[in-house]
PDB file of N, CA and C in Angstrom:
ATOM      1  N   LEU A   1    -176.567  -3.172-113.550  1.00  0.00           N
ATOM      2  CA  LEU A   1    -175.781  -3.481-114.725  1.00  0.00           C
ATOM      3  C   LEU A   1    -174.289  -3.543-114.420  1.00  0.00           C
ATOM      4  N   TYR A   2    -173.795  -2.577-113.661  1.00  0.00           N
ATOM      5  CA  TYR A   2    -172.368  -2.569-113.347  1.00  0.00           C
ATOM      6  C   TYR A   2    -171.960  -3.835-112.609  1.00  0.00           C
ATOM      7  N   GLU A   3    -172.819  -4.295-111.731  1.00  0.00           N
ATOM      8  CA  GLU A   3    -172.462  -5.493-110.974  1.00  0.00           C
ATOM      9  C   GLU A   3    -172.354  -6.708-111.880  1.00  0.00           C
ATOM     10  N   THR A   4    -173.164  -6.783-112.910  1.00  0.00           N
ATOM     11  CA  THR A   4    -173.052  -7.919-113.828  1.00  0.00           C
ATOM     12  C   THR A   4    -171.887  -7.733-114.792  1.00  0.00           C
ATOM     13  N   GLN A   5    -171.584  -6.518-115.173  1.00  0.00           N
ATOM     14  CA  GLN A   5    -170.510  -6.249-116.123  1.00  0.00           C
ATOM     15  C   GLN A   5    -169.122  -6.277-115.495  1.00  0.00           C
ATOM     16  N   TYR A   6    -169.019  -5.831-114.250  1.00  0.00           N
ATOM     17  CA  TYR A   6    -167.699  -5.613-113.653  1.00  0.00           C
ATOM     18  C   TYR A   6    -167.419  -6.464-112.418  1.00  0.00           C
ATOM     19  N   ARG A   7    -168.253  -7.434-112.136  1.00  0.00           N
ATOM     20  CA  ARG A   7    -168.058  -8.217-110.917  1.00  0.00           C
ATOM     21  C   ARG A   7    -166.706  -8.922-110.889  1.00  0.00           C
ATOM     22  N   ASP A   8    -166.154  -9.297-112.044  1.00  0.00           N
ATOM     23  CA  ASP A   8    -164.871  -9.989-112.097  1.00  0.00           C
ATOM     24  C   ASP A   8    -163.696  -9.058-112.366  1.00  0.00           C
ATOM     25  N   VAL A   9    -163.969  -7.788-112.491  1.00  0.00           N
ATOM     26  CA  VAL A   9    -162.908  -6.824-112.798  1.00  0.00           C
ATOM     27  C   VAL A   9    -162.130  -6.507-111.524  1.00  0.00           C
ATOM     28  N   THR A  10    -160.832  -6.501-111.625  1.00  0.00           N
ATOM     29  CA  THR A  10    -160.001  -6.190-110.459  1.00  0.00           C
ATOM     30  C   THR A  10    -159.682  -4.700-110.398  1.00  0.00           C
ATOM     31  N   ALA A  11    -160.368  -3.906-111.206  1.00  0.00           N
ATOM     32  CA  ALA A  11    -160.090  -2.472-111.289  1.00  0.00           C
ATOM     33  C   ALA A  11    -160.721  -1.675-110.163  1.00  0.00           C
ATOM     34  N   GLY A  12    -161.385  -2.312-109.245  1.00  0.00           N
ATOM     35  CA  GLY A  12    -161.843  -1.590-108.077  1.00  0.00           C
ATOM     36  C   GLY A  12    -163.321  -1.288-108.007  1.00  0.00           C
ATOM     37  N   TYR A  13    -164.190  -2.169-108.499  1.00  0.00           N
ATOM     38  CA  TYR A  13    -165.623  -1.950-108.320  1.00  0.00           C
ATOM     39  C   TYR A  13    -165.989  -2.282-106.882  1.00  0.00           C
ATOM     40  N   GLU A  14    -166.599  -1.315-106.197  1.00  0.00           N
ATOM     41  CA  GLU A  14    -167.018  -1.522-104.816  1.00  0.00           C
ATOM     42  C   GLU A  14    -168.385  -0.901-104.596  1.00  0.00           C
ATOM     43  N   ARG A  15    -169.250  -1.623-103.965  1.00  0.00           N
ATOM     44  CA  ARG A  15    -170.577  -1.111-103.611  1.00  0.00           C
ATOM     45  C   ARG A  15    -170.549  -0.782-102.125  1.00  0.00           C
ATOM     46  N   ARG A  16    -170.169   0.462-101.826  1.00  0.00           N
ATOM     47  CA  ARG A  16    -170.035   0.890-100.428  1.00  0.00           C
ATOM     48  C   ARG A  16    -170.938   2.060-100.087  1.00  0.00           C
ATOM     49  N   GLY A  17    -171.731   2.520-101.031  1.00  0.00           N
ATOM     50  CA  GLY A  17    -172.596   3.655-100.771  1.00  0.00           C
ATOM     51  C   GLY A  17    -171.870   4.975-100.927  1.00  0.00           C
ATOM     52  N   GLU A  18    -172.633   6.046-100.796  1.00  0.00           N
ATOM     53  CA  GLU A  18    -172.068   7.391-100.882  1.00  0.00           C
ATOM     54  C   GLU A  18    -172.741   8.263 -99.826  1.00  0.00           C
ATOM     55  N   LEU A  19    -171.934   9.043 -99.152  1.00  0.00           N
ATOM     56  CA  LEU A  19    -172.418   9.904 -98.084  1.00  0.00           C
ATOM     57  C   LEU A  19    -172.376  11.351 -98.562  1.00  0.00           C
ATOM     58  N   MET A  20    -173.542  11.979 -98.618  1.00  0.00           N
ATOM     59  CA  MET A  20    -173.641  13.383 -99.004  1.00  0.00           C
ATOM     60  C   MET A  20    -173.802  14.204 -97.726  1.00  0.00           C
ATOM     61  N   VAL A  21    -172.735  14.866 -97.317  1.00  0.00           N
ATOM     62  CA  VAL A  21    -172.717  15.648 -96.085  1.00  0.00           C
ATOM     63  C   VAL A  21    -173.228  17.058 -96.397  1.00  0.00           C
ATOM     64  N   CYS A  22    -174.143  17.539 -95.579  1.00  0.00           N
ATOM     65  CA  CYS A  22    -174.787  18.831 -95.797  1.00  0.00           C
ATOM     66  C   CYS A  22    -174.442  19.784 -94.650  1.00  0.00           C
ATOM     67  N   LEU A  23    -173.837  20.891 -95.003  1.00  0.00           N
ATOM     68  CA  LEU A  23    -173.404  21.850 -93.990  1.00  0.00           C
ATOM     69  C   LEU A  23    -174.522  22.754 -93.495  1.00  0.00           C
ATOM     70  N   THR A  24    -175.550  22.951 -94.311  1.00  0.00           N
ATOM     71  CA  THR A  24    -176.652  23.839 -93.929  1.00  0.00           C
ATOM     72  C   THR A  24    -177.971  23.078 -93.932  1.00  0.00           C
ATOM     73  N   SER A  25    -178.937  23.610 -93.221  1.00  0.00           N
ATOM     74  CA  SER A  25    -180.254  22.970 -93.213  1.00  0.00           C
ATOM     75  C   SER A  25    -180.898  23.038 -94.595  1.00  0.00           C
ATOM     76  N   ALA A  26    -180.625  24.118 -95.340  1.00  0.00           N
ATOM     77  CA  ALA A  26    -181.176  24.239 -96.703  1.00  0.00           C
ATOM     78  C   ALA A  26    -180.621  23.149 -97.620  1.00  0.00           C
ATOM     79  N   SER A  27    -179.317  22.895 -97.524  1.00  0.00           N
ATOM     80  CA  SER A  27    -178.736  21.860 -98.385  1.00  0.00           C
ATOM     81  C   SER A  27    -179.211  20.468 -97.951  1.00  0.00           C
ATOM     82  N   LEU A  28    -179.433  20.265 -96.664  1.00  0.00           N
ATOM     83  CA  LEU A  28    -179.954  18.984 -96.197  1.00  0.00           C
ATOM     84  C   LEU A  28    -181.370  18.762 -96.712  1.00  0.00           C
ATOM     85  N   GLU A  29    -182.192  19.795 -96.680  1.00  0.00           N
ATOM     86  CA  GLU A  29    -183.559  19.672 -97.201  1.00  0.00           C
ATOM     87  C   GLU A  29    -183.549  19.377 -98.698  1.00  0.00           C
ATOM     88  N   ALA A  30    -182.669  20.035 -99.440  1.00  0.00           N
ATOM     89  CA  ALA A  30    -182.568  19.783-100.883  1.00  0.00           C
ATOM     90  C   ALA A  30    -182.102  18.352-101.143  1.00  0.00           C
ATOM     91  N   GLU A  31    -181.164  17.876-100.371  1.00  0.00           N
ATOM     92  CA  GLU A  31    -180.655  16.516-100.547  1.00  0.00           C
ATOM     93  C   GLU A  31    -181.703  15.485-100.149  1.00  0.00           C
ATOM     94  N   LYS A  32    -182.574  15.833 -99.207  1.00  0.00           N
ATOM     95  CA  LYS A  32    -183.680  14.942 -98.844  1.00  0.00           C
ATOM     96  C   LYS A  32    -184.602  14.741-100.033  1.00  0.00           C
ATOM     97  N   ASP A  33    -184.800  15.792-100.842  1.00  0.00           N
ATOM     98  CA  ASP A  33    -185.618  15.664-102.054  1.00  0.00           C
ATOM     99  C   ASP A  33    -184.992  14.663-103.017  1.00  0.00           C
ATOM    100  N   VAL A  34    -183.670  14.720-103.149  1.00  0.00           N
ATOM    101  CA  VAL A  34    -182.958  13.766-104.009  1.00  0.00           C
ATOM    102  C   VAL A  34    -183.126  12.351-103.450  1.00  0.00           C
ATOM    103  N   ALA A  35    -183.022  12.211-102.136  1.00  0.00           N
ATOM    104  CA  ALA A  35    -183.189  10.904-101.494  1.00  0.00           C
ATOM    105  C   ALA A  35    -184.600  10.365-101.715  1.00  0.00           C
ATOM    106  N   ASP A  36    -185.597  11.228-101.621  1.00  0.00           N
ATOM    107  CA  ASP A  36    -186.981  10.802-101.860  1.00  0.00           C
ATOM    108  C   ASP A  36    -187.151  10.302-103.289  1.00  0.00           C
ATOM    109  N   ALA A  37    -186.574  11.019-104.244  1.00  0.00           N
ATOM    110  CA  ALA A  37    -186.650  10.594-105.647  1.00  0.00           C
ATOM    111  C   ALA A  37    -185.936   9.262-105.843  1.00  0.00           C
ATOM    112  N   ALA A  38    -184.801   9.089-105.194  1.00  0.00           N
ATOM    113  CA  ALA A  38    -184.048   7.832-105.297  1.00  0.00           C
ATOM    114  C   ALA A  38    -184.860   6.672-104.728  1.00  0.00           C
ATOM    115  N   GLN A  39    -185.536   6.921-103.612  1.00  0.00           N
ATOM    116  CA  GLN A  39    -186.356   5.862-103.007  1.00  0.00           C
ATOM    117  C   GLN A  39    -187.504   5.467-103.921  1.00  0.00           C
ATOM    118  N   LYS A  40    -188.071   6.427-104.623  1.00  0.00           N
ATOM    119  CA  LYS A  40    -189.159   6.121-105.563  1.00  0.00           C
ATOM    120  C   LYS A  40    -188.672   5.255-106.708  1.00  0.00           C
ATOM    121  N   LEU A  41    -187.380   5.299-106.979  1.00  0.00           N
ATOM    122  CA  LEU A  41    -186.779   4.453-108.015  1.00  0.00           C
ATOM    123  C   LEU A  41    -186.318   3.106-107.454  1.00  0.00           C
ATOM    124  N   GLY A  42    -186.544   2.896-106.155  1.00  0.00           N
ATOM    125  CA  GLY A  42    -186.200   1.626-105.540  1.00  0.00           C
ATOM    126  C   GLY A  42    -184.840   1.574-104.880  1.00  0.00           C
ATOM    127  N   LEU A  43    -184.196   2.727-104.717  1.00  0.00           N
ATOM    128  CA  LEU A  43    -182.880   2.771-104.084  1.00  0.00           C
ATOM    129  C   LEU A  43    -183.027   3.022-102.586  1.00  0.00           C
ATOM    130  N   HIS A  44    -182.094   2.509-101.824  1.00  0.00           N
ATOM    131  CA  HIS A  44    -182.136   2.638-100.374  1.00  0.00           C
ATOM    132  C   HIS A  44    -181.329   3.859 -99.949  1.00  0.00           C
ATOM    133  N   THR A  45    -181.953   4.748 -99.181  1.00  0.00           N
ATOM    134  CA  THR A  45    -181.270   5.927 -98.655  1.00  0.00           C
ATOM    135  C   THR A  45    -181.556   6.050 -97.166  1.00  0.00           C
ATOM    136  N   GLU A  46    -180.644   6.713 -96.465  1.00  0.00           N
ATOM    137  CA  GLU A  46    -180.833   6.962 -95.043  1.00  0.00           C
ATOM    138  C   GLU A  46    -180.538   8.432 -94.755  1.00  0.00           C
ATOM    139  N   VAL A  47    -181.461   9.099 -94.087  1.00  0.00           N
ATOM    140  CA  VAL A  47    -181.260  10.480 -93.654  1.00  0.00           C
ATOM    141  C   VAL A  47    -180.607  10.428 -92.275  1.00  0.00           C
ATOM    142  N   LEU A  48    -179.468  11.100 -92.137  1.00  0.00           N
ATOM    143  CA  LEU A  48    -178.728  11.094 -90.877  1.00  0.00           C
ATOM    144  C   LEU A  48    -178.749  12.489 -90.254  1.00  0.00           C
ATOM    145  N   SER A  49    -179.145  12.556 -89.016  1.00  0.00           N
ATOM    146  CA  SER A  49    -179.072  13.811 -88.272  1.00  0.00           C
ATOM    147  C   SER A  49    -177.613  14.100 -87.942  1.00  0.00           C
ATOM    148  N   ARG A  50    -177.355  15.232 -87.350  1.00  0.00           N
ATOM    149  CA  ARG A  50    -175.985  15.584 -86.941  1.00  0.00           C
ATOM    150  C   ARG A  50    -175.409  14.516 -86.009  1.00  0.00           C
ATOM    151  N   ASP A  51    -176.197  14.090 -85.023  1.00  0.00           N
ATOM    152  CA  ASP A  51    -175.720  13.074 -84.080  1.00  0.00           C
ATOM    153  C   ASP A  51    -175.513  11.726 -84.771  1.00  0.00           C
ATOM    154  N   GLU A  52    -176.441  11.361 -85.643  1.00  0.00           N
ATOM    155  CA  GLU A  52    -176.301  10.095 -86.368  1.00  0.00           C
ATOM    156  C   GLU A  52    -175.084  10.118 -87.288  1.00  0.00           C
ATOM    157  N   LEU A  53    -174.816  11.270 -87.905  1.00  0.00           N
ATOM    158  CA  LEU A  53    -173.636  11.416 -88.753  1.00  0.00           C
ATOM    159  C   LEU A  53    -172.363  11.237 -87.929  1.00  0.00           C
ATOM    160  N   SER A  54    -172.333  11.792 -86.735  1.00  0.00           N
ATOM    161  CA  SER A  54    -171.168  11.646 -85.860  1.00  0.00           C
ATOM    162  C   SER A  54    -170.913  10.191 -85.507  1.00  0.00           C
ATOM    163  N   ARG A  55    -171.980   9.438 -85.296  1.00  0.00           N
ATOM    164  CA  ARG A  55    -171.822   8.012 -85.005  1.00  0.00           C
ATOM    165  C   ARG A  55    -171.427   7.235 -86.259  1.00  0.00           C
ATOM    166  N   PHE A  56    -171.982   7.624 -87.402  1.00  0.00           N
ATOM    167  CA  PHE A  56    -171.704   6.944 -88.673  1.00  0.00           C
ATOM    168  C   PHE A  56    -170.239   7.100 -89.047  1.00  0.00           C
ATOM    169  N   GLU A  57    -169.710   8.300 -88.903  1.00  0.00           N
ATOM    170  CA  GLU A  57    -168.310   8.601 -89.198  1.00  0.00           C
ATOM    171  C   GLU A  57    -167.602   8.944 -87.893  1.00  0.00           C
ATOM    172  N   SER A  58    -167.490   7.977 -87.027  1.00  0.00           N
ATOM    173  CA  SER A  58    -166.885   8.231 -85.724  1.00  0.00           C
ATOM    174  C   SER A  58    -165.424   8.632 -85.888  1.00  0.00           C
ATOM    175  N   GLY A  59    -164.996   9.511 -85.015  1.00  0.00           N
ATOM    176  CA  GLY A  59    -163.617   9.980 -85.065  1.00  0.00           C
ATOM    177  C   GLY A  59    -163.414  11.210 -85.930  1.00  0.00           C
ATOM    178  N   ILE A  60    -164.442  11.637 -86.618  1.00  0.00           N
ATOM    179  CA  ILE A  60    -164.353  12.832 -87.455  1.00  0.00           C
ATOM    180  C   ILE A  60    -165.300  13.877 -86.885  1.00  0.00           C
ATOM    181  N   GLU A  61    -164.775  15.041 -86.568  1.00  0.00           N
ATOM    182  CA  GLU A  61    -165.616  16.121 -86.059  1.00  0.00           C
ATOM    183  C   GLU A  61    -166.120  16.964 -87.225  1.00  0.00           C
ATOM    184  N   THR A  62    -167.387  17.344 -87.170  1.00  0.00           N
ATOM    185  CA  THR A  62    -167.968  18.172 -88.220  1.00  0.00           C
ATOM    186  C   THR A  62    -169.058  19.052 -87.627  1.00  0.00           C
ATOM    187  N   ASP A  63    -169.290  20.162 -88.280  1.00  0.00           N
ATOM    188  CA  ASP A  63    -170.401  21.022 -87.871  1.00  0.00           C
ATOM    189  C   ASP A  63    -171.547  20.930 -88.887  1.00  0.00           C
ATOM    190  N   ALA A  64    -171.577  19.829 -89.628  1.00  0.00           N
ATOM    191  CA  ALA A  64    -172.618  19.617 -90.628  1.00  0.00           C
ATOM    192  C   ALA A  64    -173.982  19.468 -89.959  1.00  0.00           C
ATOM    193  N   GLU A  65    -175.013  19.853 -90.677  1.00  0.00           N
ATOM    194  CA  GLU A  65    -176.387  19.703 -90.193  1.00  0.00           C
ATOM    195  C   GLU A  65    -176.810  18.240 -90.204  1.00  0.00           C
ATOM    196  N   GLY A  66    -176.277  17.490 -91.140  1.00  0.00           N
ATOM    197  CA  GLY A  66    -176.644  16.084 -91.285  1.00  0.00           C
ATOM    198  C   GLY A  66    -176.125  15.570 -92.606  1.00  0.00           C
ATOM    199  N   ALA A  67    -176.660  14.441 -93.035  1.00  0.00           N
ATOM    200  CA  ALA A  67    -176.190  13.839 -94.275  1.00  0.00           C
ATOM    201  C   ALA A  67    -177.245  12.888 -94.812  1.00  0.00           C
ATOM    202  N   ILE A  68    -177.071  12.552 -96.065  1.00  0.00           N
ATOM    203  CA  ILE A  68    -177.867  11.501 -96.680  1.00  0.00           C
ATOM    204  C   ILE A  68    -176.890  10.416 -97.109  1.00  0.00           C
ATOM    205  N   TYR A  69    -177.187   9.181 -96.717  1.00  0.00           N
ATOM    206  CA  TYR A  69    -176.369   8.047 -97.109  1.00  0.00           C
ATOM    207  C   TYR A  69    -177.121   7.296 -98.202  1.00  0.00           C
ATOM    208  N   PHE A  70    -176.538   7.275 -99.400  1.00  0.00           N
ATOM    209  CA  PHE A  70    -177.099   6.554-100.532  1.00  0.00           C
ATOM    210  C   PHE A  70    -176.485   5.155-100.501  1.00  0.00           C
ATOM    211  N   VAL A  71    -177.181   4.241 -99.864  1.00  0.00           N
ATOM    212  CA  VAL A  71    -176.666   2.917 -99.552  1.00  0.00           C
ATOM    213  C   VAL A  71    -176.286   2.144-100.815  1.00  0.00           C
ATOM    214  N   ASP A  72    -177.035   2.270-101.882  1.00  0.00           N
ATOM    215  CA  ASP A  72    -176.831   1.471-103.080  1.00  0.00           C
ATOM    216  C   ASP A  72    -175.752   2.002-104.021  1.00  0.00           C
ATOM    217  N   ASP A  73    -175.174   3.150-103.729  1.00  0.00           N
ATOM    218  CA  ASP A  73    -174.146   3.698-104.619  1.00  0.00           C
ATOM    219  C   ASP A  73    -172.902   2.824-104.632  1.00  0.00           C
ATOM    220  N   ALA A  74    -172.239   2.831-105.773  1.00  0.00           N
ATOM    221  CA  ALA A  74    -171.012   2.051-105.943  1.00  0.00           C
ATOM    222  C   ALA A  74    -169.968   2.909-106.640  1.00  0.00           C
ATOM    223  N   HIS A  75    -168.738   2.429-106.608  1.00  0.00           N
ATOM    224  CA  HIS A  75    -167.614   3.154-107.190  1.00  0.00           C
ATOM    225  C   HIS A  75    -166.811   2.213-108.059  1.00  0.00           C
ATOM    226  N   LEU A  76    -166.291   2.732-109.145  1.00  0.00           N
ATOM    227  CA  LEU A  76    -165.441   1.952-110.042  1.00  0.00           C
ATOM    228  C   LEU A  76    -164.223   2.788-110.378  1.00  0.00           C
ATOM    229  N   THR A  77    -163.042   2.253-110.096  1.00  0.00           N
ATOM    230  CA  THR A  77    -161.813   2.978-110.426  1.00  0.00           C
ATOM    231  C   THR A  77    -161.097   2.262-111.548  1.00  0.00           C
TER     232      THR A  77
END
């Protein structure tokens, strides 16, 4: 809906996804549940290990366990 409503708006609609960084294995497991639910709704998600997160966000050091990338997320300012 947002893409049809705001595609011509210059206010900053961008579909770039959202990265949920998880510092603990417990939070990563909980976020995986959210990702599974999102996939059941037809949304694209990617589970990133610590190494994959480092490659995804190169140049940033972190001690996070991993992350979930919600590919279909968008932002509107």
